[in-house]
Amino acid sequence: MLKISSAVLDAIIEQARKDHPIETCGVVAADVGSPVADRWIPMRNQAASETFFCFDPRQQYKVWCELEECNQECRVIYHSHTASIAWPSREDIEHALYPDAHYLIVSTWEPADCPVRSFRISDGAVLEEQVVPV
């Protein structure tokens, strides 16, 4: 189960709508030991693609260093799907390198009936989990 600040979730959805048709991306952090992901950190999609996202490596390094200094951890890695449902693509699964992270996908595709979903992805296995805004 992913417990996430409702304000952060709203901000992620708004970012995805604003960036459409380019996939949006970012992370949500939390204090180590906290049950709620509550620090929204939008990232630049270096790929600038409608079908793929890639963090800017320099920005990612800077964010990871800052999280370590603040005793926080990356709890959520999020991105949007602009022309499909909120379900991990083959590329999403192949690039899911953090087994402890929650992978949140926002669909900005009009027919999507469930625009926000979260997953745990480890060794190619995908497990959907409940998103609990708090």
C-alpha atoms as a PDB file:
ATOM      1  CA  MET A   1       0.000   0.000   0.000  1.00  0.00           C
ATOM      2  CA  LEU A   2       1.234   3.472  -0.907  1.00  0.00           C
ATOM      3  CA  LYS A   3       0.392   6.227   1.573  1.00  0.00           C
ATOM      4  CA  ILE A   4       0.903   9.561  -0.147  1.00  0.00           C
ATOM      5  CA  SER A   5       0.018  13.145   0.705  1.00  0.00           C
ATOM      6  CA  SER A   6      -3.192  14.086  -1.125  1.00  0.00           C
ATOM      7  CA  ALA A   7      -1.693  17.504  -1.969  1.00  0.00           C
ATOM      8  CA  VAL A   8       1.332  15.793  -3.525  1.00  0.00           C
ATOM      9  CA  LEU A   9      -0.888  13.411  -5.485  1.00  0.00           C
ATOM     10  CA  ASP A  10      -2.898  16.370  -6.808  1.00  0.00           C
ATOM     11  CA  ALA A  11       0.351  18.136  -7.795  1.00  0.00           C
ATOM     12  CA  ILE A  12       1.578  15.062  -9.689  1.00  0.00           C
ATOM     13  CA  ILE A  13      -1.699  14.803 -11.612  1.00  0.00           C
ATOM     14  CA  GLU A  14      -1.566  18.514 -12.450  1.00  0.00           C
ATOM     15  CA  GLN A  15       2.066  18.194 -13.607  1.00  0.00           C
ATOM     16  CA  ALA A  16       1.100  15.262 -15.858  1.00  0.00           C
ATOM     17  CA  ARG A  17      -1.750  17.236 -17.413  1.00  0.00           C
ATOM     18  CA  LYS A  18       0.484  20.270 -17.943  1.00  0.00           C
ATOM     19  CA  ASP A  19       3.314  18.260 -19.536  1.00  0.00           C
ATOM     20  CA  HIS A  20       0.981  16.231 -21.797  1.00  0.00           C
ATOM     21  CA  PRO A  21       1.675  14.969 -24.458  1.00  0.00           C
ATOM     22  CA  ILE A  22       5.244  14.551 -23.115  1.00  0.00           C
ATOM     23  CA  GLU A  23       5.575  11.997 -20.315  1.00  0.00           C
ATOM     24  CA  THR A  24       6.084  13.716 -16.992  1.00  0.00           C
ATOM     25  CA  CYS A  25       8.271  12.273 -14.239  1.00  0.00           C
ATOM     26  CA  GLY A  26       9.595  12.805 -10.747  1.00  0.00           C
ATOM     27  CA  VAL A  27       9.927  11.361  -7.288  1.00  0.00           C
ATOM     28  CA  VAL A  28       8.206  11.657  -3.948  1.00  0.00           C
ATOM     29  CA  ALA A  29      10.349  11.445  -0.847  1.00  0.00           C
ATOM     30  CA  ALA A  30       9.670  10.838   2.815  1.00  0.00           C
ATOM     31  CA  ASP A  31      11.585  11.085   6.041  1.00  0.00           C
ATOM     32  CA  VAL A  32      13.264   7.763   6.791  1.00  0.00           C
ATOM     33  CA  GLY A  33      10.789   5.748   8.854  1.00  0.00           C
ATOM     34  CA  SER A  34       7.758   7.892   7.985  1.00  0.00           C
ATOM     35  CA  PRO A  35       4.739   5.998   6.633  1.00  0.00           C
ATOM     36  CA  VAL A  36       3.681   8.835   4.289  1.00  0.00           C
ATOM     37  CA  ALA A  37       5.394  10.022   1.106  1.00  0.00           C
ATOM     38  CA  ASP A  38       4.998  13.791   1.278  1.00  0.00           C
ATOM     39  CA  ARG A  39       7.839  15.616  -0.487  1.00  0.00           C
ATOM     40  CA  TRP A  40       7.107  16.182  -4.172  1.00  0.00           C
ATOM     41  CA  ILE A  41      10.161  16.556  -6.420  1.00  0.00           C
ATOM     42  CA  PRO A  42       9.309  17.044 -10.098  1.00  0.00           C
ATOM     43  CA  MET A  43      12.087  15.981 -12.440  1.00  0.00           C
ATOM     44  CA  ARG A  44      12.939  16.848 -16.027  1.00  0.00           C
ATOM     45  CA  ASN A  45      12.202  14.150 -18.592  1.00  0.00           C
ATOM     46  CA  GLN A  46      15.509  14.167 -20.439  1.00  0.00           C
ATOM     47  CA  ALA A  47      13.968  12.018 -23.194  1.00  0.00           C
ATOM     48  CA  ALA A  48      11.236  14.637 -23.829  1.00  0.00           C
ATOM     49  CA  SER A  49       9.208  11.767 -25.271  1.00  0.00           C
ATOM     50  CA  GLU A  50       5.522  10.922 -25.517  1.00  0.00           C
ATOM     51  CA  THR A  51       6.287   7.257 -24.801  1.00  0.00           C
ATOM     52  CA  PHE A  52       9.319   7.148 -22.490  1.00  0.00           C
ATOM     53  CA  PHE A  53      10.824   8.987 -19.550  1.00  0.00           C
ATOM     54  CA  CYS A  54      14.387   9.293 -18.342  1.00  0.00           C
ATOM     55  CA  PHE A  55      15.599  11.407 -15.439  1.00  0.00           C
ATOM     56  CA  ASP A  56      18.349  13.908 -16.141  1.00  0.00           C
ATOM     57  CA  PRO A  57      21.309  12.112 -14.472  1.00  0.00           C
ATOM     58  CA  ARG A  58      22.792  15.312 -13.015  1.00  0.00           C
ATOM     59  CA  GLN A  59      19.459  16.327 -11.528  1.00  0.00           C
ATOM     60  CA  GLN A  60      18.913  12.811 -10.162  1.00  0.00           C
ATOM     61  CA  TYR A  61      22.348  12.776  -8.527  1.00  0.00           C
ATOM     62  CA  LYS A  62      21.704  16.177  -6.948  1.00  0.00           C
ATOM     63  CA  VAL A  63      18.305  15.064  -5.615  1.00  0.00           C
ATOM     64  CA  TRP A  64      19.668  11.772  -4.232  1.00  0.00           C
ATOM     65  CA  CYS A  65      22.489  13.644  -2.425  1.00  0.00           C
ATOM     66  CA  GLU A  66      20.015  16.144  -0.974  1.00  0.00           C
ATOM     67  CA  LEU A  67      17.733  13.355   0.245  1.00  0.00           C
ATOM     68  CA  GLU A  68      20.649  11.675   1.992  1.00  0.00           C
ATOM     69  CA  GLU A  69      21.662  14.953   3.675  1.00  0.00           C
ATOM     70  CA  CYS A  70      18.073  15.493   4.898  1.00  0.00           C
ATOM     71  CA  ASN A  71      17.673  11.907   6.185  1.00  0.00           C
ATOM     72  CA  GLN A  72      14.993  11.279   3.572  1.00  0.00           C
ATOM     73  CA  GLU A  73      14.510   8.548   1.016  1.00  0.00           C
ATOM     74  CA  CYS A  74      12.980   8.260  -2.415  1.00  0.00           C
ATOM     75  CA  ARG A  75       9.691   6.511  -1.734  1.00  0.00           C
ATOM     76  CA  VAL A  76       7.918   6.935  -5.098  1.00  0.00           C
ATOM     77  CA  ILE A  77       9.112   7.112  -8.696  1.00  0.00           C
ATOM     78  CA  TYR A  78       6.343   8.454 -10.881  1.00  0.00           C
ATOM     79  CA  HIS A  79       5.676   9.144 -14.532  1.00  0.00           C
ATOM     80  CA  SER A  80       2.753   9.518 -16.877  1.00  0.00           C
ATOM     81  CA  HIS A  81       1.396   7.540 -19.786  1.00  0.00           C
ATOM     82  CA  THR A  82      -0.037   9.848 -22.406  1.00  0.00           C
ATOM     83  CA  ALA A  83      -1.643   7.333 -24.761  1.00  0.00           C
ATOM     84  CA  SER A  84      -2.317   4.253 -22.636  1.00  0.00           C
ATOM     85  CA  ILE A  85      -3.671   3.116 -19.294  1.00  0.00           C
ATOM     86  CA  ALA A  86      -1.752   3.437 -16.044  1.00  0.00           C
ATOM     87  CA  TRP A  87       0.046   0.098 -16.238  1.00  0.00           C
ATOM     88  CA  PRO A  88       3.818  -0.492 -16.505  1.00  0.00           C
ATOM     89  CA  SER A  89       5.102  -0.921 -20.048  1.00  0.00           C
ATOM     90  CA  ARG A  90       7.795  -3.446 -20.898  1.00  0.00           C
ATOM     91  CA  GLU A  91      10.341  -0.594 -20.752  1.00  0.00           C
ATOM     92  CA  ASP A  92       9.009   0.567 -17.370  1.00  0.00           C
ATOM     93  CA  ILE A  93       9.505  -2.937 -15.985  1.00  0.00           C
ATOM     94  CA  GLU A  94      13.004  -3.279 -17.471  1.00  0.00           C
ATOM     95  CA  HIS A  95      14.070   0.087 -16.000  1.00  0.00           C
ATOM     96  CA  ALA A  96      12.571  -0.452 -12.529  1.00  0.00           C
ATOM     97  CA  LEU A  97      15.853  -0.691 -10.630  1.00  0.00           C
ATOM     98  CA  TYR A  98      14.657   0.187  -7.123  1.00  0.00           C
ATOM     99  CA  PRO A  99      12.730  -2.788  -5.663  1.00  0.00           C
ATOM    100  CA  ASP A 100      11.785  -0.832  -2.517  1.00  0.00           C
ATOM    101  CA  ALA A 101      10.211   2.023  -4.493  1.00  0.00           C
ATOM    102  CA  HIS A 102       6.562   2.477  -5.317  1.00  0.00           C
ATOM    103  CA  TYR A 103       6.108   3.063  -9.054  1.00  0.00           C
ATOM    104  CA  LEU A 104       3.212   5.467  -9.578  1.00  0.00           C
ATOM    105  CA  ILE A 105       1.780   5.911 -13.069  1.00  0.00           C
ATOM    106  CA  VAL A 106      -0.658   8.668 -14.050  1.00  0.00           C
ATOM    107  CA  SER A 107      -2.593   8.214 -17.286  1.00  0.00           C
ATOM    108  CA  THR A 108      -3.516  11.385 -19.162  1.00  0.00           C
ATOM    109  CA  TRP A 109      -5.099   9.293 -21.902  1.00  0.00           C
ATOM    110  CA  GLU A 110      -8.778  10.275 -22.182  1.00  0.00           C
ATOM    111  CA  PRO A 111     -10.343   6.767 -22.146  1.00  0.00           C
ATOM    112  CA  ALA A 112      -8.436   5.703 -19.007  1.00  0.00           C
ATOM    113  CA  ASP A 113     -10.920   4.680 -16.334  1.00  0.00           C
ATOM    114  CA  CYS A 114      -8.329   4.578 -13.550  1.00  0.00           C
ATOM    115  CA  PRO A 115      -5.897   7.454 -14.094  1.00  0.00           C
ATOM    116  CA  VAL A 116      -3.559   6.799 -11.110  1.00  0.00           C
ATOM    117  CA  ARG A 117      -2.140   3.437 -10.077  1.00  0.00           C
ATOM    118  CA  SER A 118       0.832   2.279  -8.039  1.00  0.00           C
ATOM    119  CA  PHE A 119       2.975  -0.813  -8.402  1.00  0.00           C
ATOM    120  CA  ARG A 120       5.842  -2.668  -6.810  1.00  0.00           C
ATOM    121  CA  ILE A 121       8.219  -3.953  -9.461  1.00  0.00           C
ATOM    122  CA  SER A 122      11.028  -6.369  -8.665  1.00  0.00           C
ATOM    123  CA  ASP A 123      12.927  -8.743 -10.955  1.00  0.00           C
ATOM    124  CA  GLY A 124      10.323  -8.288 -13.685  1.00  0.00           C
ATOM    125  CA  ALA A 125       7.371  -9.088 -11.422  1.00  0.00           C
ATOM    126  CA  VAL A 126       4.634  -6.441 -11.200  1.00  0.00           C
ATOM    127  CA  LEU A 127       2.305  -6.183  -8.212  1.00  0.00           C
ATOM    128  CA  GLU A 128      -0.398  -3.519  -8.143  1.00  0.00           C
ATOM    129  CA  GLU A 129      -1.007  -1.897  -4.777  1.00  0.00           C
ATOM    130  CA  GLN A 130      -3.581   0.412  -3.259  1.00  0.00           C
ATOM    131  CA  VAL A 131      -2.977   4.186  -3.355  1.00  0.00           C
ATOM    132  CA  VAL A 132      -4.086   5.828  -0.098  1.00  0.00           C
ATOM    133  CA  PRO A 133      -4.134   9.649  -0.159  1.00  0.00           C
ATOM    134  CA  VAL A 134      -3.725  11.106   3.343  1.00  0.00           C
END
